[in-house]
Amino acid sequence: MKTNGVVRKIDELGRIVIPMEFRNTLDLNARDSIQISLEDGRIILSKVMDSCIFCGSRDKLKSYRGKLVCGRCAADVKKKL
């Protein structure tokens, strides 16, 4: 893994600022969801990509009661109801 020497301090509330160059590279914007995990003593931040709750597809998503569903799964559910 490449490091580029960016150092940030943790503030009193436990927050850090992700450098703008990283946010731009990963297309991170205000209110985007980030997954935080631990791996071999490292904190890993990953952008959460929106996907269908049933099949994981990221195509043609629609929100239903706060959950994302793709068109194909929505049609399948509709047929079974």
N, C-alpha and C. Protein backbone atom coordinates (compact mmCIF):
# COMPACT_ATOMS: atom_id res chain seq x y z
N MET A 1 0.85 -1.18 0.00
CA MET A 1 0.00 0.00 0.00
C MET A 1 0.89 1.24 0.00
N LYS A 2 0.55 2.19 -0.84
CA LYS A 2 1.31 3.42 -0.94
C LYS A 2 0.85 4.42 0.11
N THR A 3 1.78 5.06 0.78
CA THR A 3 1.44 6.13 1.70
C THR A 3 1.97 7.43 1.11
N ASN A 4 1.27 8.50 1.37
CA ASN A 4 1.73 9.78 0.84
C ASN A 4 1.99 10.80 1.94
N GLY A 5 2.16 10.36 3.15
CA GLY A 5 2.63 11.23 4.21
C GLY A 5 1.65 12.22 4.77
N VAL A 6 0.36 12.08 4.52
CA VAL A 6 -0.62 13.01 5.07
C VAL A 6 -0.89 12.64 6.52
N VAL A 7 -0.73 13.61 7.40
CA VAL A 7 -0.96 13.38 8.84
C VAL A 7 -2.08 14.30 9.29
N ARG A 8 -3.02 13.74 10.03
CA ARG A 8 -4.12 14.53 10.60
C ARG A 8 -4.22 14.21 12.08
N LYS A 9 -4.63 15.21 12.87
CA LYS A 9 -4.85 15.01 14.30
C LYS A 9 -6.33 14.72 14.54
N ILE A 10 -6.59 13.92 15.56
CA ILE A 10 -7.96 13.64 15.98
C ILE A 10 -8.39 14.77 16.91
N ASP A 11 -9.57 15.35 16.65
CA ASP A 11 -10.03 16.44 17.51
C ASP A 11 -10.65 15.90 18.79
N GLU A 12 -11.15 16.80 19.63
CA GLU A 12 -11.69 16.43 20.95
C GLU A 12 -12.89 15.50 20.86
N LEU A 13 -13.60 15.51 19.73
CA LEU A 13 -14.78 14.67 19.56
C LEU A 13 -14.46 13.37 18.80
N GLY A 14 -13.16 13.12 18.54
CA GLY A 14 -12.76 11.89 17.86
C GLY A 14 -12.83 11.98 16.34
N ARG A 15 -12.95 13.18 15.80
CA ARG A 15 -13.08 13.35 14.36
C ARG A 15 -11.73 13.62 13.70
N ILE A 16 -11.65 13.23 12.43
CA ILE A 16 -10.51 13.61 11.60
C ILE A 16 -11.06 14.18 10.30
N VAL A 17 -10.24 14.94 9.60
CA VAL A 17 -10.63 15.47 8.29
C VAL A 17 -9.94 14.64 7.22
N ILE A 18 -10.73 14.13 6.28
CA ILE A 18 -10.16 13.40 5.15
C ILE A 18 -9.70 14.46 4.15
N PRO A 19 -8.43 14.42 3.75
CA PRO A 19 -7.92 15.45 2.83
C PRO A 19 -8.74 15.55 1.55
N MET A 20 -8.88 16.77 1.04
CA MET A 20 -9.69 17.03 -0.15
C MET A 20 -9.23 16.19 -1.34
N GLU A 21 -7.92 16.01 -1.51
CA GLU A 21 -7.44 15.24 -2.65
C GLU A 21 -7.94 13.79 -2.58
N PHE A 22 -8.04 13.24 -1.38
CA PHE A 22 -8.59 11.88 -1.23
C PHE A 22 -10.08 11.87 -1.54
N ARG A 23 -10.80 12.87 -1.01
CA ARG A 23 -12.25 12.94 -1.25
C ARG A 23 -12.54 13.09 -2.74
N ASN A 24 -11.76 13.92 -3.41
CA ASN A 24 -11.96 14.10 -4.86
C ASN A 24 -11.65 12.82 -5.63
N THR A 25 -10.56 12.16 -5.29
CA THR A 25 -10.16 10.93 -5.98
C THR A 25 -11.23 9.85 -5.83
N LEU A 26 -11.82 9.73 -4.64
CA LEU A 26 -12.82 8.70 -4.38
C LEU A 26 -14.25 9.17 -4.60
N ASP A 27 -14.41 10.42 -5.07
CA ASP A 27 -15.73 11.02 -5.27
C ASP A 27 -16.57 10.95 -4.00
N LEU A 28 -15.97 11.34 -2.89
CA LEU A 28 -16.67 11.40 -1.61
C LEU A 28 -17.26 12.79 -1.43
N ASN A 29 -18.51 12.85 -1.02
CA ASN A 29 -19.18 14.12 -0.82
C ASN A 29 -19.82 14.15 0.56
N ALA A 30 -20.21 15.34 0.98
CA ALA A 30 -20.89 15.49 2.26
C ALA A 30 -22.10 14.57 2.28
N ARG A 31 -22.31 13.89 3.39
CA ARG A 31 -23.42 12.97 3.63
C ARG A 31 -23.24 11.59 3.00
N ASP A 32 -22.14 11.33 2.28
CA ASP A 32 -21.88 9.98 1.78
C ASP A 32 -21.62 9.06 2.96
N SER A 33 -21.96 7.79 2.80
CA SER A 33 -21.71 6.81 3.86
C SER A 33 -20.32 6.21 3.69
N ILE A 34 -19.63 6.02 4.81
CA ILE A 34 -18.30 5.43 4.84
C ILE A 34 -18.33 4.23 5.77
N GLN A 35 -17.78 3.12 5.31
CA GLN A 35 -17.64 1.94 6.17
C GLN A 35 -16.29 2.04 6.86
N ILE A 36 -16.27 1.80 8.17
CA ILE A 36 -15.04 1.85 8.96
C ILE A 36 -14.78 0.44 9.48
N SER A 37 -13.59 -0.10 9.16
CA SER A 37 -13.25 -1.44 9.61
C SER A 37 -11.80 -1.47 10.08
N LEU A 38 -11.48 -2.53 10.82
CA LEU A 38 -10.11 -2.75 11.29
C LEU A 38 -9.52 -3.93 10.56
N GLU A 39 -8.25 -3.79 10.15
CA GLU A 39 -7.57 -4.87 9.45
C GLU A 39 -6.09 -4.82 9.79
N ASP A 40 -5.60 -5.84 10.45
CA ASP A 40 -4.18 -5.92 10.82
C ASP A 40 -3.69 -4.66 11.53
N GLY A 41 -4.49 -4.18 12.49
CA GLY A 41 -4.10 -3.01 13.26
C GLY A 41 -4.24 -1.68 12.54
N ARG A 42 -4.92 -1.68 11.40
CA ARG A 42 -5.13 -0.45 10.62
C ARG A 42 -6.63 -0.13 10.56
N ILE A 43 -6.94 1.13 10.51
CA ILE A 43 -8.31 1.58 10.31
C ILE A 43 -8.50 1.76 8.81
N ILE A 44 -9.49 1.08 8.26
CA ILE A 44 -9.76 1.14 6.82
C ILE A 44 -11.07 1.88 6.61
N LEU A 45 -11.05 2.92 5.79
CA LEU A 45 -12.24 3.66 5.41
C LEU A 45 -12.58 3.31 3.98
N SER A 46 -13.84 2.94 3.72
CA SER A 46 -14.27 2.58 2.38
C SER A 46 -15.59 3.27 2.08
N LYS A 47 -15.70 3.78 0.86
CA LYS A 47 -16.96 4.40 0.45
C LYS A 47 -18.00 3.30 0.28
N VAL A 48 -19.18 3.52 0.83
CA VAL A 48 -20.28 2.57 0.69
C VAL A 48 -21.00 2.90 -0.61
N MET A 49 -21.10 1.89 -1.45
CA MET A 49 -21.78 2.06 -2.73
C MET A 49 -23.22 1.60 -2.57
N ASP A 50 -24.16 2.42 -3.02
CA ASP A 50 -25.58 2.05 -2.95
C ASP A 50 -25.84 0.83 -3.81
N SER A 51 -26.61 -0.12 -3.28
CA SER A 51 -26.95 -1.32 -4.05
C SER A 51 -28.29 -1.87 -3.58
N CYS A 52 -28.86 -2.71 -4.40
CA CYS A 52 -30.14 -3.36 -4.11
C CYS A 52 -30.00 -4.25 -2.87
N ILE A 53 -30.97 -4.19 -1.96
CA ILE A 53 -30.89 -4.99 -0.74
C ILE A 53 -31.06 -6.49 -1.02
N PHE A 54 -31.61 -6.84 -2.18
CA PHE A 54 -31.82 -8.25 -2.49
C PHE A 54 -30.68 -8.87 -3.29
N CYS A 55 -30.26 -8.21 -4.38
CA CYS A 55 -29.29 -8.84 -5.29
C CYS A 55 -27.94 -8.14 -5.33
N GLY A 56 -27.84 -6.93 -4.76
CA GLY A 56 -26.58 -6.20 -4.76
C GLY A 56 -26.33 -5.36 -6.01
N SER A 57 -27.25 -5.38 -6.96
CA SER A 57 -27.11 -4.60 -8.19
C SER A 57 -27.07 -3.11 -7.86
N ARG A 58 -26.37 -2.34 -8.70
CA ARG A 58 -26.33 -0.89 -8.52
C ARG A 58 -27.05 -0.17 -9.66
N ASP A 59 -27.80 -0.92 -10.48
CA ASP A 59 -28.48 -0.35 -11.64
C ASP A 59 -29.92 0.01 -11.32
N LYS A 60 -30.34 1.18 -11.75
CA LYS A 60 -31.74 1.62 -11.68
C LYS A 60 -32.35 1.40 -10.31
N LEU A 61 -31.73 1.97 -9.29
CA LEU A 61 -32.21 1.80 -7.91
C LEU A 61 -33.34 2.75 -7.60
N LYS A 62 -34.28 2.26 -6.83
CA LYS A 62 -35.38 3.10 -6.33
C LYS A 62 -35.48 2.87 -4.83
N SER A 63 -35.86 3.91 -4.14
CA SER A 63 -35.99 3.80 -2.69
C SER A 63 -37.42 3.39 -2.35
N TYR A 64 -37.53 2.39 -1.46
CA TYR A 64 -38.83 1.97 -0.96
C TYR A 64 -38.71 1.80 0.55
N ARG A 65 -39.45 2.64 1.28
CA ARG A 65 -39.43 2.63 2.74
C ARG A 65 -38.01 2.66 3.30
N GLY A 66 -37.17 3.50 2.69
CA GLY A 66 -35.82 3.69 3.18
C GLY A 66 -34.81 2.65 2.72
N LYS A 67 -35.24 1.72 1.88
CA LYS A 67 -34.36 0.67 1.36
C LYS A 67 -34.25 0.82 -0.16
N LEU A 68 -33.08 0.45 -0.71
CA LEU A 68 -32.89 0.53 -2.15
C LEU A 68 -33.18 -0.82 -2.80
N VAL A 69 -33.96 -0.77 -3.89
CA VAL A 69 -34.34 -1.97 -4.62
C VAL A 69 -34.16 -1.68 -6.12
N CYS A 70 -33.54 -2.63 -6.85
CA CYS A 70 -33.39 -2.45 -8.30
C CYS A 70 -34.71 -2.77 -8.98
N GLY A 71 -34.86 -2.35 -10.23
CA GLY A 71 -36.09 -2.57 -10.98
C GLY A 71 -36.44 -4.04 -11.14
N ARG A 72 -35.43 -4.87 -11.38
CA ARG A 72 -35.68 -6.30 -11.57
C ARG A 72 -36.23 -6.95 -10.30
N CYS A 73 -35.63 -6.66 -9.16
CA CYS A 73 -36.11 -7.24 -7.90
C CYS A 73 -37.47 -6.69 -7.52
N ALA A 74 -37.70 -5.40 -7.80
CA ALA A 74 -39.01 -4.81 -7.51
C ALA A 74 -40.09 -5.52 -8.32
N ALA A 75 -39.79 -5.81 -9.59
CA ALA A 75 -40.75 -6.52 -10.43
C ALA A 75 -40.97 -7.94 -9.91
N ASP A 76 -39.91 -8.62 -9.48
CA ASP A 76 -40.05 -9.97 -8.93
C ASP A 76 -40.93 -9.98 -7.68
N VAL A 77 -40.71 -9.02 -6.80
CA VAL A 77 -41.50 -8.93 -5.57
C VAL A 77 -42.96 -8.65 -5.92
N LYS A 78 -43.18 -7.74 -6.86
CA LYS A 78 -44.54 -7.39 -7.24
C LYS A 78 -45.30 -8.62 -7.78
N LYS A 79 -44.60 -9.45 -8.56
CA LYS A 79 -45.23 -10.67 -9.12
C LYS A 79 -45.66 -11.63 -8.02
N LYS A 80 -44.89 -11.70 -6.95
CA LYS A 80 -45.16 -12.67 -5.89
C LYS A 80 -46.19 -12.20 -4.88
N LEU A 81 -46.55 -10.94 -4.95
CA LEU A 81 -47.56 -10.43 -4.00
C LEU A 81 -48.94 -10.58 -4.50
